[in-house]
C-alpha atoms as a PDB file:
ATOM      1  CA  MET A   1     -43.031 -27.130  54.534  1.00  0.00           C
ATOM      2  CA  ILE A   2     -42.676 -30.927  54.936  1.00  0.00           C
ATOM      3  CA  LYS A   3     -46.239 -32.198  55.253  1.00  0.00           C
ATOM      4  CA  ASN A   4     -45.482 -35.925  55.309  1.00  0.00           C
ATOM      5  CA  THR A   5     -43.062 -38.208  57.110  1.00  0.00           C
ATOM      6  CA  VAL A   6     -39.796 -38.363  55.170  1.00  0.00           C
ATOM      7  CA  THR A   7     -38.690 -41.867  54.182  1.00  0.00           C
ATOM      8  CA  LEU A   8     -36.276 -41.158  51.333  1.00  0.00           C
ATOM      9  CA  VAL A   9     -33.845 -38.332  50.517  1.00  0.00           C
ATOM     10  CA  ALA A  10     -32.154 -37.974  47.105  1.00  0.00           C
ATOM     11  CA  THR A  11     -29.510 -35.468  46.093  1.00  0.00           C
ATOM     12  CA  ASP A  12     -27.704 -34.367  42.996  1.00  0.00           C
ATOM     13  CA  LEU A  13     -23.907 -34.294  43.242  1.00  0.00           C
ATOM     14  CA  ASP A  14     -22.145 -31.409  41.467  1.00  0.00           C
ATOM     15  CA  GLY A  15     -23.285 -28.024  42.712  1.00  0.00           C
ATOM     16  CA  THR A  16     -25.475 -29.650  45.367  1.00  0.00           C
ATOM     17  CA  LEU A  17     -23.924 -32.236  47.691  1.00  0.00           C
ATOM     18  CA  LEU A  18     -20.366 -31.576  46.510  1.00  0.00           C
ATOM     19  CA  ASN A  19     -18.293 -28.446  47.001  1.00  0.00           C
ATOM     20  CA  ALA A  20     -16.043 -26.921  44.334  1.00  0.00           C
ATOM     21  CA  LYS A  21     -13.330 -29.458  45.183  1.00  0.00           C
ATOM     22  CA  LYS A  22     -15.745 -32.307  44.381  1.00  0.00           C
ATOM     23  CA  GLU A  23     -15.756 -33.258  48.060  1.00  0.00           C
ATOM     24  CA  VAL A  24     -18.467 -34.010  50.602  1.00  0.00           C
ATOM     25  CA  SER A  25     -18.009 -31.795  53.642  1.00  0.00           C
ATOM     26  CA  GLU A  26     -17.867 -33.297  57.133  1.00  0.00           C
ATOM     27  CA  GLU A  27     -21.120 -31.478  57.929  1.00  0.00           C
ATOM     28  CA  ASN A  28     -22.911 -33.131  55.022  1.00  0.00           C
ATOM     29  CA  LYS A  29     -21.407 -36.522  55.866  1.00  0.00           C
ATOM     30  CA  GLN A  30     -22.717 -36.298  59.416  1.00  0.00           C
ATOM     31  CA  ALA A  31     -26.164 -35.314  58.148  1.00  0.00           C
ATOM     32  CA  ILE A  32     -26.201 -38.385  55.878  1.00  0.00           C
ATOM     33  CA  ARG A  33     -25.255 -40.634  58.812  1.00  0.00           C
ATOM     34  CA  ASP A  34     -27.918 -39.085  61.023  1.00  0.00           C
ATOM     35  CA  LEU A  35     -30.558 -39.673  58.361  1.00  0.00           C
ATOM     36  CA  LYS A  36     -29.633 -43.359  58.336  1.00  0.00           C
ATOM     37  CA  LYS A  37     -29.754 -43.515  62.145  1.00  0.00           C
ATOM     38  CA  ASN A  38     -33.282 -42.154  61.961  1.00  0.00           C
ATOM     39  CA  GLY A  39     -34.355 -44.787  59.444  1.00  0.00           C
ATOM     40  CA  ILE A  40     -34.383 -42.521  56.377  1.00  0.00           C
ATOM     41  CA  PHE A  41     -32.931 -43.812  53.114  1.00  0.00           C
ATOM     42  CA  PHE A  42     -30.373 -41.429  51.610  1.00  0.00           C
ATOM     43  CA  GLY A  43     -29.000 -41.706  48.092  1.00  0.00           C
ATOM     44  CA  ILE A  44     -27.380 -40.055  45.096  1.00  0.00           C
ATOM     45  CA  ALA A  45     -29.270 -38.903  41.986  1.00  0.00           C
ATOM     46  CA  SER A  46     -26.764 -38.100  39.256  1.00  0.00           C
ATOM     47  CA  GLY A  47     -26.143 -38.121  35.548  1.00  0.00           C
ATOM     48  CA  ARG A  48     -22.994 -40.159  36.158  1.00  0.00           C
ATOM     49  CA  PRO A  49     -22.876 -43.947  35.661  1.00  0.00           C
ATOM     50  CA  VAL A  50     -23.734 -46.005  38.731  1.00  0.00           C
ATOM     51  CA  GLU A  51     -20.346 -47.734  38.591  1.00  0.00           C
ATOM     52  CA  THR A  52     -18.293 -44.542  38.924  1.00  0.00           C
ATOM     53  CA  ILE A  53     -20.586 -43.187  41.646  1.00  0.00           C
ATOM     54  CA  LEU A  54     -20.040 -46.358  43.684  1.00  0.00           C
ATOM     55  CA  LYS A  55     -16.277 -45.893  43.450  1.00  0.00           C
ATOM     56  CA  THR A  56     -16.563 -42.278  44.551  1.00  0.00           C
ATOM     57  CA  ILE A  57     -18.847 -43.105  47.476  1.00  0.00           C
ATOM     58  CA  GLU A  58     -16.256 -45.583  48.700  1.00  0.00           C
ATOM     59  CA  ASP A  59     -13.578 -42.883  48.456  1.00  0.00           C
ATOM     60  CA  TRP A  60     -15.756 -40.658  50.660  1.00  0.00           C
ATOM     61  CA  GLY A  61     -16.144 -43.431  53.234  1.00  0.00           C
ATOM     62  CA  LEU A  62     -19.946 -43.349  52.906  1.00  0.00           C
ATOM     63  CA  ASN A  63     -20.637 -46.764  51.391  1.00  0.00           C
ATOM     64  CA  LYS A  64     -22.225 -47.967  54.658  1.00  0.00           C
ATOM     65  CA  ASP A  65     -24.424 -44.885  54.974  1.00  0.00           C
ATOM     66  CA  ILE A  66     -25.952 -44.576  51.491  1.00  0.00           C
ATOM     67  CA  GLY A  67     -28.929 -46.739  50.584  1.00  0.00           C
ATOM     68  CA  PHE A  68     -29.208 -46.259  46.839  1.00  0.00           C
ATOM     69  CA  VAL A  69     -27.781 -44.668  43.720  1.00  0.00           C
ATOM     70  CA  MET A  70     -29.782 -43.254  40.826  1.00  0.00           C
ATOM     71  CA  GLY A  71     -27.443 -42.927  37.853  1.00  0.00           C
ATOM     72  CA  MET A  72     -27.710 -41.795  34.246  1.00  0.00           C
ATOM     73  CA  ASN A  73     -30.256 -39.062  35.125  1.00  0.00           C
ATOM     74  CA  GLY A  74     -32.797 -41.665  36.194  1.00  0.00           C
ATOM     75  CA  GLY A  75     -31.855 -44.304  33.637  1.00  0.00           C
ATOM     76  CA  ALA A  76     -30.439 -46.691  36.254  1.00  0.00           C
ATOM     77  CA  ILE A  77     -30.938 -47.399  39.948  1.00  0.00           C
ATOM     78  CA  TYR A  78     -28.788 -49.408  42.355  1.00  0.00           C
ATOM     79  CA  ASP A  79     -29.850 -50.895  45.700  1.00  0.00           C
ATOM     80  CA  TYR A  80     -26.919 -51.049  48.128  1.00  0.00           C
ATOM     81  CA  ARG A  81     -28.540 -53.669  50.359  1.00  0.00           C
ATOM     82  CA  GLN A  82     -29.258 -56.126  47.584  1.00  0.00           C
ATOM     83  CA  GLN A  83     -26.325 -54.952  45.427  1.00  0.00           C
ATOM     84  CA  ILE A  84     -28.439 -55.019  42.288  1.00  0.00           C
ATOM     85  CA  LYS A  85     -28.644 -52.554  39.414  1.00  0.00           C
ATOM     86  CA  GLU A  86     -31.543 -52.017  37.023  1.00  0.00           C
ATOM     87  CA  ASP A  87     -31.448 -50.059  33.729  1.00  0.00           C
ATOM     88  CA  PHE A  88     -34.470 -48.494  32.050  1.00  0.00           C
ATOM     89  CA  TYR A  89     -35.349 -47.406  28.498  1.00  0.00           C
ATOM     90  CA  LEU A  90     -31.986 -47.693  26.796  1.00  0.00           C
ATOM     91  CA  MET A  91     -31.440 -45.637  23.661  1.00  0.00           C
ATOM     92  CA  ASP A  92     -30.848 -47.289  20.284  1.00  0.00           C
ATOM     93  CA  GLY A  93     -27.401 -46.766  18.788  1.00  0.00           C
ATOM     94  CA  LYS A  94     -29.009 -45.819  15.472  1.00  0.00           C
ATOM     95  CA  ASP A  95     -30.521 -42.764  17.146  1.00  0.00           C
ATOM     96  CA  ALA A  96     -27.109 -41.834  18.561  1.00  0.00           C
ATOM     97  CA  ILE A  97     -25.687 -41.992  15.037  1.00  0.00           C
ATOM     98  CA  ASP A  98     -28.524 -39.794  13.775  1.00  0.00           C
ATOM     99  CA  ILE A  99     -27.719 -37.187  16.442  1.00  0.00           C
ATOM    100  CA  MET A 100     -24.000 -37.237  15.639  1.00  0.00           C
ATOM    101  CA  ASP A 101     -24.838 -36.721  11.973  1.00  0.00           C
ATOM    102  CA  PHE A 102     -27.076 -33.798  12.910  1.00  0.00           C
ATOM    103  CA  PHE A 103     -24.220 -32.120  14.799  1.00  0.00           C
ATOM    104  CA  GLN A 104     -21.548 -32.777  12.183  1.00  0.00           C
ATOM    105  CA  GLY A 105     -19.439 -29.650  11.659  1.00  0.00           C
ATOM    106  CA  TYR A 106     -20.171 -28.340  15.157  1.00  0.00           C
ATOM    107  CA  ASP A 107     -17.394 -27.942  17.697  1.00  0.00           C
ATOM    108  CA  VAL A 108     -18.527 -30.712  20.032  1.00  0.00           C
ATOM    109  CA  ILE A 109     -17.048 -33.963  21.335  1.00  0.00           C
ATOM    110  CA  PHE A 110     -19.363 -36.970  21.660  1.00  0.00           C
ATOM    111  CA  TRP A 111     -19.308 -39.294  24.672  1.00  0.00           C
ATOM    112  CA  VAL A 112     -20.922 -42.637  25.413  1.00  0.00           C
ATOM    113  CA  LEU A 113     -20.668 -43.938  28.995  1.00  0.00           C
ATOM    114  CA  ILE A 114     -20.695 -47.654  29.683  1.00  0.00           C
ATOM    115  CA  GLY A 115     -19.842 -48.598  33.241  1.00  0.00           C
ATOM    116  CA  ASP A 116     -16.669 -46.765  34.221  1.00  0.00           C
ATOM    117  CA  LYS A 117     -15.562 -46.304  30.612  1.00  0.00           C
ATOM    118  CA  ARG A 118     -16.061 -43.102  28.617  1.00  0.00           C
ATOM    119  CA  TYR A 119     -15.960 -43.766  24.857  1.00  0.00           C
ATOM    120  CA  VAL A 120     -15.232 -40.608  22.839  1.00  0.00           C
ATOM    121  CA  ASN A 121     -14.648 -39.616  19.221  1.00  0.00           C
ATOM    122  CA  ILE A 122     -11.855 -37.197  20.237  1.00  0.00           C
ATOM    123  CA  SER A 123      -9.502 -37.596  23.189  1.00  0.00           C
ATOM    124  CA  THR A 124      -7.034 -35.000  24.466  1.00  0.00           C
ATOM    125  CA  PRO A 125      -4.872 -34.718  27.606  1.00  0.00           C
ATOM    126  CA  GLN A 126      -7.470 -32.295  28.978  1.00  0.00           C
ATOM    127  CA  THR A 127     -10.447 -34.591  28.333  1.00  0.00           C
ATOM    128  CA  ARG A 128      -8.554 -37.563  29.801  1.00  0.00           C
ATOM    129  CA  GLU A 129      -7.795 -35.555  32.928  1.00  0.00           C
ATOM    130  CA  HIS A 130     -11.483 -34.639  33.181  1.00  0.00           C
ATOM    131  CA  ALA A 131     -12.465 -38.304  32.849  1.00  0.00           C
ATOM    132  CA  LYS A 132      -9.991 -39.234  35.585  1.00  0.00           C
ATOM    133  CA  LEU A 133     -11.613 -36.680  37.906  1.00  0.00           C
ATOM    134  CA  TYR A 134     -14.918 -38.525  37.502  1.00  0.00           C
ATOM    135  CA  ARG A 135     -13.296 -41.963  37.935  1.00  0.00           C
ATOM    136  CA  GLU A 136     -13.821 -42.805  34.267  1.00  0.00           C
ATOM    137  CA  ASN A 137     -11.380 -44.356  31.821  1.00  0.00           C
ATOM    138  CA  GLU A 138     -11.499 -42.447  28.528  1.00  0.00           C
ATOM    139  CA  ILE A 139     -11.194 -44.471  25.317  1.00  0.00           C
ATOM    140  CA  GLU A 140     -10.987 -42.866  21.871  1.00  0.00           C
ATOM    141  CA  CYS A 141     -12.717 -44.838  19.154  1.00  0.00           C
ATOM    142  CA  ASP A 142     -14.887 -44.689  16.061  1.00  0.00           C
ATOM    143  CA  LEU A 143     -18.155 -43.946  17.861  1.00  0.00           C
ATOM    144  CA  TYR A 144     -20.233 -44.626  14.763  1.00  0.00           C
ATOM    145  CA  ASP A 145     -18.940 -48.176  14.620  1.00  0.00           C
ATOM    146  CA  PHE A 146     -19.032 -48.550  18.405  1.00  0.00           C
ATOM    147  CA  VAL A 147     -22.721 -47.686  18.916  1.00  0.00           C
ATOM    148  CA  LYS A 148     -24.290 -49.022  15.713  1.00  0.00           C
ATOM    149  CA  ASP A 149     -25.372 -52.372  17.222  1.00  0.00           C
ATOM    150  CA  LYS A 150     -25.662 -51.262  20.857  1.00  0.00           C
ATOM    151  CA  LYS A 151     -28.253 -50.003  23.300  1.00  0.00           C
ATOM    152  CA  ILE A 152     -26.886 -47.128  25.381  1.00  0.00           C
ATOM    153  CA  ASN A 153     -28.083 -45.024  28.308  1.00  0.00           C
ATOM    154  CA  LYS A 154     -27.338 -41.711  26.628  1.00  0.00           C
ATOM    155  CA  LEU A 155     -25.247 -39.726  24.165  1.00  0.00           C
ATOM    156  CA  ILE A 156     -23.399 -36.731  25.620  1.00  0.00           C
ATOM    157  CA  LEU A 157     -22.182 -33.638  23.771  1.00  0.00           C
ATOM    158  CA  HIS A 158     -19.202 -31.894  25.371  1.00  0.00           C
ATOM    159  CA  PHE A 159     -18.201 -28.368  24.328  1.00  0.00           C
ATOM    160  CA  ASP A 160     -16.700 -25.124  25.574  1.00  0.00           C
ATOM    161  CA  PRO A 161     -19.156 -23.196  27.811  1.00  0.00           C
ATOM    162  CA  SER A 162     -19.004 -20.252  25.387  1.00  0.00           C
ATOM    163  CA  TYR A 163     -20.597 -22.572  22.780  1.00  0.00           C
ATOM    164  CA  GLN A 164     -23.670 -23.282  24.904  1.00  0.00           C
ATOM    165  CA  LYS A 165     -26.118 -21.088  23.011  1.00  0.00           C
ATOM    166  CA  ILE A 166     -25.073 -22.532  19.659  1.00  0.00           C
ATOM    167  CA  VAL A 167     -25.654 -26.069  20.951  1.00  0.00           C
ATOM    168  CA  GLU A 168     -28.987 -25.046  22.437  1.00  0.00           C
ATOM    169  CA  ASN A 169     -30.189 -23.554  19.146  1.00  0.00           C
ATOM    170  CA  ARG A 170     -29.071 -26.540  17.109  1.00  0.00           C
ATOM    171  CA  ALA A 171     -30.579 -29.037  19.569  1.00  0.00           C
ATOM    172  CA  SER A 172     -33.922 -27.199  19.427  1.00  0.00           C
ATOM    173  CA  GLU A 173     -34.057 -28.004  15.699  1.00  0.00           C
ATOM    174  CA  TYR A 174     -33.545 -31.744  16.209  1.00  0.00           C
ATOM    175  CA  LYS A 175     -36.799 -33.697  16.012  1.00  0.00           C
ATOM    176  CA  ASN A 176     -36.756 -37.374  16.920  1.00  0.00           C
ATOM    177  CA  PRO A 177     -39.564 -39.032  18.934  1.00  0.00           C
ATOM    178  CA  ASN A 178     -37.118 -41.650  20.183  1.00  0.00           C
ATOM    179  CA  CYS A 179     -35.003 -39.238  22.246  1.00  0.00           C
ATOM    180  CA  THR A 180     -34.984 -35.948  24.095  1.00  0.00           C
ATOM    181  CA  GLY A 181     -32.157 -33.617  25.102  1.00  0.00           C
ATOM    182  CA  PHE A 182     -31.244 -31.302  27.968  1.00  0.00           C
ATOM    183  CA  PHE A 183     -28.293 -29.498  29.542  1.00  0.00           C
ATOM    184  CA  THR A 184     -26.650 -31.078  32.574  1.00  0.00           C
ATOM    185  CA  ALA A 185     -23.924 -28.416  32.865  1.00  0.00           C
ATOM    186  CA  ASN A 186     -22.844 -25.308  30.966  1.00  0.00           C
ATOM    187  CA  ASN A 187     -20.583 -27.531  28.833  1.00  0.00           C
ATOM    188  CA  LEU A 188     -22.664 -30.727  28.582  1.00  0.00           C
ATOM    189  CA  PHE A 189     -25.832 -31.570  26.644  1.00  0.00           C
ATOM    190  CA  GLU A 190     -27.306 -35.069  26.797  1.00  0.00           C
ATOM    191  CA  PHE A 191     -29.735 -37.071  24.687  1.00  0.00           C
ATOM    192  CA  VAL A 192     -31.738 -39.888  26.287  1.00  0.00           C
ATOM    193  CA  ASP A 193     -34.911 -41.887  25.747  1.00  0.00           C
ATOM    194  CA  PRO A 194     -37.930 -39.566  26.318  1.00  0.00           C
ATOM    195  CA  HIS A 195     -39.013 -41.578  29.369  1.00  0.00           C
ATOM    196  CA  ILE A 196     -35.769 -40.862  31.219  1.00  0.00           C
ATOM    197  CA  ASN A 197     -35.307 -38.079  33.728  1.00  0.00           C
ATOM    198  CA  LYS A 198     -34.628 -37.880  37.449  1.00  0.00           C
ATOM    199  CA  GLY A 199     -38.341 -37.645  38.160  1.00  0.00           C
ATOM    200  CA  PHE A 200     -38.772 -41.035  36.502  1.00  0.00           C
ATOM    201  CA  GLY A 201     -35.887 -42.253  38.661  1.00  0.00           C
ATOM    202  CA  ILE A 202     -37.699 -41.086  41.802  1.00  0.00           C
ATOM    203  CA  GLU A 203     -40.778 -43.047  40.731  1.00  0.00           C
ATOM    204  CA  LYS A 204     -38.699 -46.193  40.233  1.00  0.00           C
ATOM    205  CA  LEU A 205     -36.975 -45.747  43.609  1.00  0.00           C
ATOM    206  CA  CYS A 206     -40.348 -45.387  45.326  1.00  0.00           C
ATOM    207  CA  GLU A 207     -41.600 -48.551  43.638  1.00  0.00           C
ATOM    208  CA  HIS A 208     -38.441 -50.400  44.612  1.00  0.00           C
ATOM    209  CA  PHE A 209     -38.408 -49.341  48.265  1.00  0.00           C
ATOM    210  CA  GLY A 210     -42.175 -49.408  48.757  1.00  0.00           C
ATOM    211  CA  THR A 211     -42.728 -45.749  49.541  1.00  0.00           C
ATOM    212  CA  SER A 212     -44.523 -42.873  47.827  1.00  0.00           C
ATOM    213  CA  LYS A 213     -43.271 -39.667  46.238  1.00  0.00           C
ATOM    214  CA  GLU A 214     -44.996 -37.610  48.933  1.00  0.00           C
ATOM    215  CA  HIS A 215     -42.457 -38.951  51.427  1.00  0.00           C
ATOM    216  CA  VAL A 216     -39.414 -37.954  49.326  1.00  0.00           C
ATOM    217  CA  VAL A 217     -37.170 -34.910  49.759  1.00  0.00           C
ATOM    218  CA  SER A 218     -34.810 -34.122  46.875  1.00  0.00           C
ATOM    219  CA  PHE A 219     -32.030 -31.587  46.374  1.00  0.00           C
ATOM    220  CA  GLY A 220     -30.668 -30.093  43.140  1.00  0.00           C
ATOM    221  CA  ASP A 221     -29.118 -27.119  41.409  1.00  0.00           C
ATOM    222  CA  ASP A 222     -29.403 -27.557  37.626  1.00  0.00           C
ATOM    223  CA  LEU A 223     -32.057 -28.030  34.962  1.00  0.00           C
ATOM    224  CA  ASN A 224     -31.755 -31.816  34.857  1.00  0.00           C
ATOM    225  CA  ASP A 225     -33.007 -31.781  38.473  1.00  0.00           C
ATOM    226  CA  CYS A 226     -36.358 -30.136  37.589  1.00  0.00           C
ATOM    227  CA  GLU A 227     -38.390 -33.318  37.175  1.00  0.00           C
ATOM    228  CA  MET A 228     -36.906 -34.782  40.360  1.00  0.00           C
ATOM    229  CA  LEU A 229     -37.847 -31.778  42.479  1.00  0.00           C
ATOM    230  CA  MET A 230     -41.328 -31.682  40.958  1.00  0.00           C
ATOM    231  CA  ALA A 231     -41.825 -35.428  41.536  1.00  0.00           C
ATOM    232  CA  SER A 232     -40.852 -35.207  45.214  1.00  0.00           C
ATOM    233  CA  GLY A 233     -43.018 -34.316  48.175  1.00  0.00           C
ATOM    234  CA  CYS A 234     -40.499 -31.571  48.882  1.00  0.00           C
ATOM    235  CA  GLY A 235     -38.043 -30.366  46.237  1.00  0.00           C
ATOM    236  CA  VAL A 236     -35.193 -28.180  47.485  1.00  0.00           C
ATOM    237  CA  ALA A 237     -33.100 -25.928  45.228  1.00  0.00           C
ATOM    238  CA  MET A 238     -29.690 -24.679  46.273  1.00  0.00           C
ATOM    239  CA  LYS A 239     -29.127 -20.943  46.651  1.00  0.00           C
ATOM    240  CA  ASN A 240     -26.709 -21.354  43.704  1.00  0.00           C
ATOM    241  CA  ALA A 241     -29.340 -23.149  41.568  1.00  0.00           C
ATOM    242  CA  ARG A 242     -30.536 -21.917  38.204  1.00  0.00           C
ATOM    243  CA  ASN A 243     -33.577 -19.654  38.389  1.00  0.00           C
ATOM    244  CA  ARG A 244     -35.672 -22.084  36.357  1.00  0.00           C
ATOM    245  CA  LEU A 245     -35.058 -24.765  38.982  1.00  0.00           C
ATOM    246  CA  LYS A 246     -35.834 -22.400  41.845  1.00  0.00           C
ATOM    247  CA  ALA A 247     -39.150 -21.652  40.159  1.00  0.00           C
ATOM    248  CA  VAL A 248     -40.312 -25.291  40.468  1.00  0.00           C
ATOM    249  CA  ALA A 249     -38.848 -25.975  43.919  1.00  0.00           C
ATOM    250  CA  ASN A 250     -40.928 -26.121  47.082  1.00  0.00           C
ATOM    251  CA  TYR A 251     -38.070 -24.502  48.959  1.00  0.00           C
ATOM    252  CA  VAL A 252     -35.034 -22.466  47.953  1.00  0.00           C
ATOM    253  CA  SER A 253     -32.202 -22.801  50.435  1.00  0.00           C
ATOM    254  CA  GLU A 254     -30.558 -19.701  51.813  1.00  0.00           C
ATOM    255  CA  TYR A 255     -27.296 -21.638  51.584  1.00  0.00           C
ATOM    256  CA  THR A 256     -25.145 -22.734  48.639  1.00  0.00           C
ATOM    257  CA  ASN A 257     -23.482 -26.090  48.104  1.00  0.00           C
ATOM    258  CA  GLU A 258     -20.305 -24.486  49.502  1.00  0.00           C
ATOM    259  CA  GLU A 259     -22.215 -23.662  52.702  1.00  0.00           C
ATOM    260  CA  ASN A 260     -23.535 -27.172  53.453  1.00  0.00           C
ATOM    261  CA  ALA A 261     -27.067 -26.440  52.283  1.00  0.00           C
ATOM    262  CA  ILE A 262     -28.074 -30.090  52.586  1.00  0.00           C
ATOM    263  CA  ALA A 263     -26.906 -30.414  56.192  1.00  0.00           C
ATOM    264  CA  HIS A 264     -28.747 -27.213  57.102  1.00  0.00           C
ATOM    265  CA  PHE A 265     -32.007 -28.509  55.608  1.00  0.00           C
ATOM    266  CA  VAL A 266     -31.662 -31.950  57.185  1.00  0.00           C
ATOM    267  CA  TYR A 267     -31.265 -30.529  60.693  1.00  0.00           C
ATOM    268  CA  ASP A 268     -33.589 -27.548  60.307  1.00  0.00           C
ATOM    269  CA  TYR A 269     -36.505 -29.437  58.746  1.00  0.00           C
ATOM    270  CA  ILE A 270     -36.187 -33.205  58.242  1.00  0.00           C
ATOM    271  CA  LEU A 271     -34.746 -34.200  61.627  1.00  0.00           C
ATOM    272  CA  LYS A 272     -35.982 -31.214  63.596  1.00  0.00           C
ATOM    273  CA  GLU A 273     -38.953 -33.089  64.966  1.00  0.00           C
ATOM    274  CA  GLU A 274     -37.229 -36.462  65.057  1.00  0.00           C
ATOM    275  CA  GLU A 275     -35.329 -37.849  68.015  1.00  0.00           C
ATOM    276  CA  HIS A 276     -31.654 -37.640  67.158  1.00  0.00           C
ATOM    277  CA  VAL A 277     -29.954 -40.932  67.789  1.00  0.00           C
END
C-alpha cells in the first residue's frame, strides 16, 4: 500500500482527525507524537484560517508535536519551526462582490475570514456561538464595503443543510474564470482562486520541506479533500467519508473518525516497519 518512505503526513480536521466533540482523542495524539519521534512531519490541512488552527492546536497540547499547518484549503501554509506563514493566490474583493450579487435573494449568509476574525453580513446568537466554537470572533458589517478594496483568501456561503441542493444548482450556473467553488460541509460552500485546493497546498508543503508528493500520506473525509488525497503518495479516506472521496482514495479505512482511524493507519501501515522510539 505504501510504496515509498513516508516523510510527511497531513490530515483534515472535522470528520477526520476530530471526533464529534471537536476533540483529538488520546489515541490520535499518541500517534502524532510517535510520528514525530520517528522523524515524520505531521500537520493539519484545513479550510480554517491558520491563526485559529494554531490556537486550537495549543488547546490540544500538540503545539510541540505538529510541524506545519495548511489553512484556507491550501491557500496558506505555516511552518512551526520557522514560525512563518505564506499566502497564495488571494481572491480579488471585486469577485467576492460579484458572487454576492449572484446569490442575492438566496437564503445564505456570507463570510470572509481574516486571521481569527469572521466578517459576516448577518450575525445571530447562533452564528456567533458557531464562530466561538471555531475560535473566531464574528463581526457583522457591510461586506460589500469591507471587501471592495481587499484581497481575500475566500468567500464562504453559510446556509441550512436542507438548502444544499439549491446552493449547488445556483453555484453551477456561476461562471467566473477568476474563482471556483466547492462544498466543505453540508452547510458551507466556498469560492476561492482557481489555483487553490488542498492538493496545491500539498505541493507547496513539499517544496517548502524539500520532499516529494510520493512520500506524503494524507487523510480526509469530504469533497474538499479530493485533490489532497490524489496529490499524495497515499490518500486515505475515512470510513465515514463521502463516496466520491472514497473513489479517489488509495485506501478506505475500516474505521471512522470516532474510532481513531488515523491512529489505526499510523500503527498498522506507516510505523509498522519502523522502529518505535
